[in-house]
Amino acid sequence: MGSGTVFSIYYGRKDEHGLKEGILASFTLLAAVTVLLHILTFCLLDWTIAALRTPDHLVGMTREYLAVIFVGMTGIFLYNFLLRCCVLWEIPWLRLCFWRFLPA
C-alpha cells in the first residue's frame, strides 16, 4: 500500500511520533479494508458458489471451505502486519509468541 515508504522516512528522521501515527493510520486503513472485504465476501458467498457451478451435493462443504479460507484473511493480515512491526521495532518476544502457537 506504499506505507513502507512513509515508515522509512519517519524512521530515517528519527521521528518516533510520526512513525507511530503512520503505523496506526496504515493499520486502521488495512483493518477497515479487511472488514469491508469480509462483509462483501460473505454477502456474495452464495453467488460465488453458483458462479463456480458447484454440484448440489457439494454446496454445503464448499460454503464451509470458502468461509474458513475467507476468515483466514484476518489471520494473514494480522500476522503480516504485526510481524513487520516486530521487525521494525525490534520486539523479538512478540514474534516468538506467534511462532510458539504454530504447529511444528
C-alpha atoms as a PDB file:
ATOM      1  CA  MET A   1       0.000   0.000   0.000  1.00  0.00           C
ATOM      2  CA  GLY A   2       3.046   2.251  -0.035  1.00  0.00           C
ATOM      3  CA  SER A   3       3.065   2.773   3.696  1.00  0.00           C
ATOM      4  CA  GLY A   4       6.531   1.244   3.965  1.00  0.00           C
ATOM      5  CA  THR A   5       7.933   4.348   2.303  1.00  0.00           C
ATOM      6  CA  VAL A   6       6.298   6.577   4.904  1.00  0.00           C
ATOM      7  CA  PHE A   7       7.630   4.354   7.678  1.00  0.00           C
ATOM      8  CA  SER A   8      11.139   4.566   6.233  1.00  0.00           C
ATOM      9  CA  ILE A   9      11.018   8.354   6.002  1.00  0.00           C
ATOM     10  CA  TYR A  10       9.857   8.751   9.599  1.00  0.00           C
ATOM     11  CA  TYR A  11      12.340   6.154  10.801  1.00  0.00           C
ATOM     12  CA  GLY A  12      15.171   7.914   8.960  1.00  0.00           C
ATOM     13  CA  ARG A  13      14.172  11.250  10.500  1.00  0.00           C
ATOM     14  CA  LYS A  14      14.089   9.565  13.919  1.00  0.00           C
ATOM     15  CA  ASP A  15      10.521  10.897  14.263  1.00  0.00           C
ATOM     16  CA  GLU A  16       9.030   8.308  16.594  1.00  0.00           C
ATOM     17  CA  HIS A  17       5.702  10.142  16.922  1.00  0.00           C
ATOM     18  CA  GLY A  18       5.274  10.373  13.144  1.00  0.00           C
ATOM     19  CA  LEU A  19       6.237   6.722  12.790  1.00  0.00           C
ATOM     20  CA  LYS A  20       3.628   5.659  15.337  1.00  0.00           C
ATOM     21  CA  GLU A  21       0.983   7.799  13.635  1.00  0.00           C
ATOM     22  CA  GLY A  22       1.857   6.307  10.247  1.00  0.00           C
ATOM     23  CA  ILE A  23       1.685   2.761  11.559  1.00  0.00           C
ATOM     24  CA  LEU A  24      -1.639   3.450  13.260  1.00  0.00           C
ATOM     25  CA  ALA A  25      -3.073   5.008  10.104  1.00  0.00           C
ATOM     26  CA  SER A  26      -1.861   2.103   7.984  1.00  0.00           C
ATOM     27  CA  PHE A  27      -3.201  -0.468  10.437  1.00  0.00           C
ATOM     28  CA  THR A  28      -6.581   1.293  10.618  1.00  0.00           C
ATOM     29  CA  LEU A  29      -6.916   1.518   6.840  1.00  0.00           C
ATOM     30  CA  LEU A  30      -5.907  -2.098   6.284  1.00  0.00           C
ATOM     31  CA  ALA A  31      -8.211  -3.293   9.067  1.00  0.00           C
ATOM     32  CA  ALA A  32     -11.131  -1.357   7.551  1.00  0.00           C
ATOM     33  CA  VAL A  33     -10.426  -2.829   4.106  1.00  0.00           C
ATOM     34  CA  THR A  34     -10.247  -6.317   5.633  1.00  0.00           C
ATOM     35  CA  VAL A  35     -13.619  -5.864   7.365  1.00  0.00           C
ATOM     36  CA  LEU A  36     -15.147  -4.488   4.161  1.00  0.00           C
ATOM     37  CA  LEU A  37     -13.821  -7.440   2.167  1.00  0.00           C
ATOM     38  CA  HIS A  38     -15.219  -9.847   4.755  1.00  0.00           C
ATOM     39  CA  ILE A  39     -18.668  -8.302   4.548  1.00  0.00           C
ATOM     40  CA  LEU A  40     -18.592  -8.272   0.749  1.00  0.00           C
ATOM     41  CA  THR A  41     -17.269 -11.811   0.581  1.00  0.00           C
ATOM     42  CA  PHE A  42     -19.894 -13.281   2.873  1.00  0.00           C
ATOM     43  CA  CYS A  43     -22.704 -11.374   1.160  1.00  0.00           C
ATOM     44  CA  LEU A  44     -21.590 -12.783  -2.198  1.00  0.00           C
ATOM     45  CA  LEU A  45     -20.739 -16.282  -0.968  1.00  0.00           C
ATOM     46  CA  ASP A  46     -23.799 -17.962  -2.489  1.00  0.00           C
ATOM     47  CA  TRP A  47     -23.244 -16.115  -5.778  1.00  0.00           C
ATOM     48  CA  THR A  48     -19.613 -17.270  -5.786  1.00  0.00           C
ATOM     49  CA  ILE A  49     -20.652 -20.875  -5.241  1.00  0.00           C
ATOM     50  CA  ALA A  50     -23.210 -20.593  -8.056  1.00  0.00           C
ATOM     51  CA  ALA A  51     -20.620 -18.986 -10.348  1.00  0.00           C
ATOM     52  CA  LEU A  52     -18.293 -21.917  -9.684  1.00  0.00           C
ATOM     53  CA  ARG A  53     -21.127 -24.248 -10.822  1.00  0.00           C
ATOM     54  CA  THR A  54     -20.665 -26.386  -7.751  1.00  0.00           C
ATOM     55  CA  PRO A  55     -22.720 -29.599  -7.756  1.00  0.00           C
ATOM     56  CA  ASP A  56     -25.647 -29.549  -5.322  1.00  0.00           C
ATOM     57  CA  HIS A  57     -24.264 -32.294  -3.102  1.00  0.00           C
ATOM     58  CA  LEU A  58     -21.044 -30.284  -2.548  1.00  0.00           C
ATOM     59  CA  VAL A  59     -22.567 -26.848  -1.879  1.00  0.00           C
ATOM     60  CA  GLY A  60     -22.540 -27.244   1.931  1.00  0.00           C
ATOM     61  CA  MET A  61     -18.916 -28.352   2.081  1.00  0.00           C
ATOM     62  CA  THR A  62     -17.909 -25.657  -0.407  1.00  0.00           C
ATOM     63  CA  ARG A  63     -19.617 -22.976   1.698  1.00  0.00           C
ATOM     64  CA  GLU A  64     -17.768 -24.156   4.825  1.00  0.00           C
ATOM     65  CA  TYR A  65     -14.447 -24.345   2.980  1.00  0.00           C
ATOM     66  CA  LEU A  66     -14.745 -20.868   1.481  1.00  0.00           C
ATOM     67  CA  ALA A  67     -15.835 -19.419   4.828  1.00  0.00           C
ATOM     68  CA  VAL A  68     -12.713 -20.824   6.511  1.00  0.00           C
ATOM     69  CA  ILE A  69     -10.478 -19.520   3.721  1.00  0.00           C
ATOM     70  CA  PHE A  70     -12.023 -16.039   3.817  1.00  0.00           C
ATOM     71  CA  VAL A  71     -11.882 -15.811   7.622  1.00  0.00           C
ATOM     72  CA  GLY A  72      -8.217 -16.765   7.336  1.00  0.00           C
ATOM     73  CA  MET A  73      -7.620 -13.421   5.595  1.00  0.00           C
ATOM     74  CA  THR A  74      -7.846 -11.755   9.003  1.00  0.00           C
ATOM     75  CA  GLY A  75      -5.174 -14.019  10.433  1.00  0.00           C
ATOM     76  CA  ILE A  76      -2.905 -13.388   7.466  1.00  0.00           C
ATOM     77  CA  PHE A  77      -3.435  -9.627   7.764  1.00  0.00           C
ATOM     78  CA  LEU A  78      -2.596  -9.628  11.475  1.00  0.00           C
ATOM     79  CA  TYR A  79       0.376 -11.936  11.064  1.00  0.00           C
ATOM     80  CA  ASN A  80       1.913  -9.920   8.233  1.00  0.00           C
ATOM     81  CA  PHE A  81       1.285  -6.527   9.789  1.00  0.00           C
ATOM     82  CA  LEU A  82       2.388  -7.402  13.300  1.00  0.00           C
ATOM     83  CA  LEU A  83       5.438  -9.275  12.025  1.00  0.00           C
ATOM     84  CA  ARG A  84       6.554  -6.136  10.177  1.00  0.00           C
ATOM     85  CA  CYS A  85       6.037  -4.058  13.329  1.00  0.00           C
ATOM     86  CA  CYS A  86       8.076  -6.515  15.388  1.00  0.00           C
ATOM     87  CA  VAL A  87      10.976  -6.317  12.947  1.00  0.00           C
ATOM     88  CA  LEU A  88      10.708  -2.532  12.694  1.00  0.00           C
ATOM     89  CA  TRP A  89      10.622  -2.010  16.449  1.00  0.00           C
ATOM     90  CA  GLU A  90      12.906  -4.965  17.192  1.00  0.00           C
ATOM     91  CA  ILE A  91      10.468  -6.691  19.539  1.00  0.00           C
ATOM     92  CA  PRO A  92      11.529 -10.354  19.390  1.00  0.00           C
ATOM     93  CA  TRP A  93       9.261 -11.543  22.209  1.00  0.00           C
ATOM     94  CA  LEU A  94       6.115 -10.735  20.230  1.00  0.00           C
ATOM     95  CA  ARG A  95       7.374 -12.618  17.201  1.00  0.00           C
ATOM     96  CA  LEU A  96       8.218 -15.566  19.432  1.00  0.00           C
ATOM     97  CA  CYS A  97       4.657 -15.504  20.785  1.00  0.00           C
ATOM     98  CA  PHE A  98       3.359 -16.041  17.249  1.00  0.00           C
ATOM     99  CA  TRP A  99       5.772 -18.857  16.470  1.00  0.00           C
ATOM    100  CA  ARG A 100       5.027 -20.639  19.745  1.00  0.00           C
ATOM    101  CA  PHE A 101       1.426 -21.308  18.685  1.00  0.00           C
ATOM    102  CA  LEU A 102       2.236 -22.614  15.199  1.00  0.00           C
ATOM    103  CA  PRO A 103       2.383 -26.381  14.723  1.00  0.00           C
ATOM    104  CA  ALA A 104       5.864 -27.826  14.346  1.00  0.00           C
END
